[in-house]
Amino acid sequence: PAVRKLASVGKFNEALSQHSDSVFFLYIGNDDEHEDLFKKYVSSAETHLIHSYFYYGRRHIIEDRTLQRHPTVLVFKDKKYYEYE
């Protein structure tokens, strides 16, 4: 699959460690195939799969990180994260 599920804090931390020297994207929200942002995220993942890693999960997996909106898309790079506006 183009988008892989991160179901727990442990799996999220595993992804952080695994991609510490690369970029990955994370959709935070419900995996509702009818939600517009999720559909666009999956479509982008299918297009750019060979260039990066794409994950999705629910709010609890990112623990105490601050989000401006929900659902949202985050990009992780150089041990930092950025939220798409």
Protein backbone atom coordinates (compact mmCIF):
# COMPACT_ATOMS: atom_id res chain seq x y z
CA PRO A 1 0.00 0.00 0.00
CA ALA A 2 1.08 3.56 -0.68
CA VAL A 3 0.06 4.68 2.83
CA ARG A 4 0.95 2.59 5.87
CA LYS A 5 -0.90 2.72 9.18
CA LEU A 6 0.86 3.64 12.42
CA ALA A 7 -1.47 2.32 15.11
CA SER A 8 0.53 3.10 18.24
CA VAL A 9 3.03 5.49 19.79
CA GLY A 10 5.61 2.70 19.53
CA LYS A 11 5.09 2.29 15.78
CA PHE A 12 5.31 6.06 15.32
CA ASN A 13 8.59 6.19 17.27
CA GLU A 14 9.85 3.28 15.16
CA ALA A 15 9.10 5.29 11.99
CA LEU A 16 10.90 8.32 13.47
CA SER A 17 14.00 6.21 14.14
CA GLN A 18 13.85 4.42 10.82
CA HIS A 19 13.62 7.67 8.84
CA SER A 20 15.86 9.90 10.97
CA ASP A 21 17.95 10.81 7.92
CA SER A 22 15.11 11.10 5.41
CA VAL A 23 11.70 12.70 4.96
CA PHE A 24 8.35 11.12 5.71
CA PHE A 25 4.76 12.32 5.72
CA LEU A 26 2.06 11.57 8.28
CA TYR A 27 -1.68 12.11 7.95
CA ILE A 28 -3.33 12.54 11.36
CA GLY A 29 -7.06 11.95 11.43
CA ASN A 30 -9.60 9.25 10.78
CA ASP A 31 -8.85 6.96 7.87
CA ASP A 32 -12.21 7.82 6.31
CA GLU A 33 -11.95 7.21 2.59
CA HIS A 34 -14.67 9.84 2.03
CA GLU A 35 -12.78 12.62 3.85
CA ASP A 36 -11.40 15.03 1.25
CA LEU A 37 -7.98 15.57 2.83
CA PHE A 38 -7.42 11.81 3.28
CA LYS A 39 -8.36 11.14 -0.36
CA LYS A 40 -5.91 13.80 -1.54
CA TYR A 41 -3.21 12.44 0.77
CA VAL A 42 -3.60 8.90 -0.57
CA SER A 43 -3.58 10.19 -4.13
CA SER A 44 -0.35 12.14 -3.50
CA ALA A 45 1.19 9.10 -1.82
CA GLU A 46 0.39 6.94 -4.83
CA THR A 47 2.01 9.51 -7.12
CA HIS A 48 5.13 10.10 -5.01
CA LEU A 49 5.61 6.68 -3.42
CA ILE A 50 9.07 6.17 -4.90
CA HIS A 51 10.31 9.48 -3.45
CA SER A 52 9.22 9.26 0.19
CA TYR A 53 7.31 7.36 2.89
CA PHE A 54 3.67 7.99 3.71
CA TYR A 55 1.90 7.00 6.92
CA TYR A 56 -1.40 7.67 8.64
CA GLY A 57 -2.60 7.40 12.21
CA ARG A 58 -4.85 8.85 14.85
CA ARG A 59 -4.07 11.83 17.05
CA HIS A 60 -2.85 9.82 20.06
CA ILE A 61 0.23 8.41 18.28
CA ILE A 62 2.06 11.74 18.16
CA GLU A 63 1.66 12.28 21.90
CA ASP A 64 2.18 15.88 23.02
CA ARG A 65 2.99 17.50 19.67
CA THR A 66 0.88 20.58 18.96
CA LEU A 67 -1.40 20.60 15.92
CA GLN A 68 -3.10 23.63 14.37
CA ARG A 69 -5.95 21.57 12.88
CA HIS A 70 -7.42 18.09 12.71
CA PRO A 71 -7.24 16.26 10.38
CA THR A 72 -3.85 17.40 9.17
CA VAL A 73 -0.70 16.39 7.31
CA LEU A 74 2.73 16.58 8.91
CA VAL A 75 6.16 16.25 7.32
CA PHE A 76 9.09 15.03 9.40
CA LYS A 77 12.63 16.00 8.44
CA ASP A 78 15.89 16.54 10.33
CA LYS A 79 14.27 15.56 13.66
CA LYS A 80 11.66 18.33 13.28
CA TYR A 81 8.10 18.34 12.03
CA TYR A 82 6.06 20.82 10.05
CA GLU A 83 2.32 21.01 9.58
CA TYR A 84 0.91 21.73 6.15
CA GLU A 85 -1.48 24.67 6.05
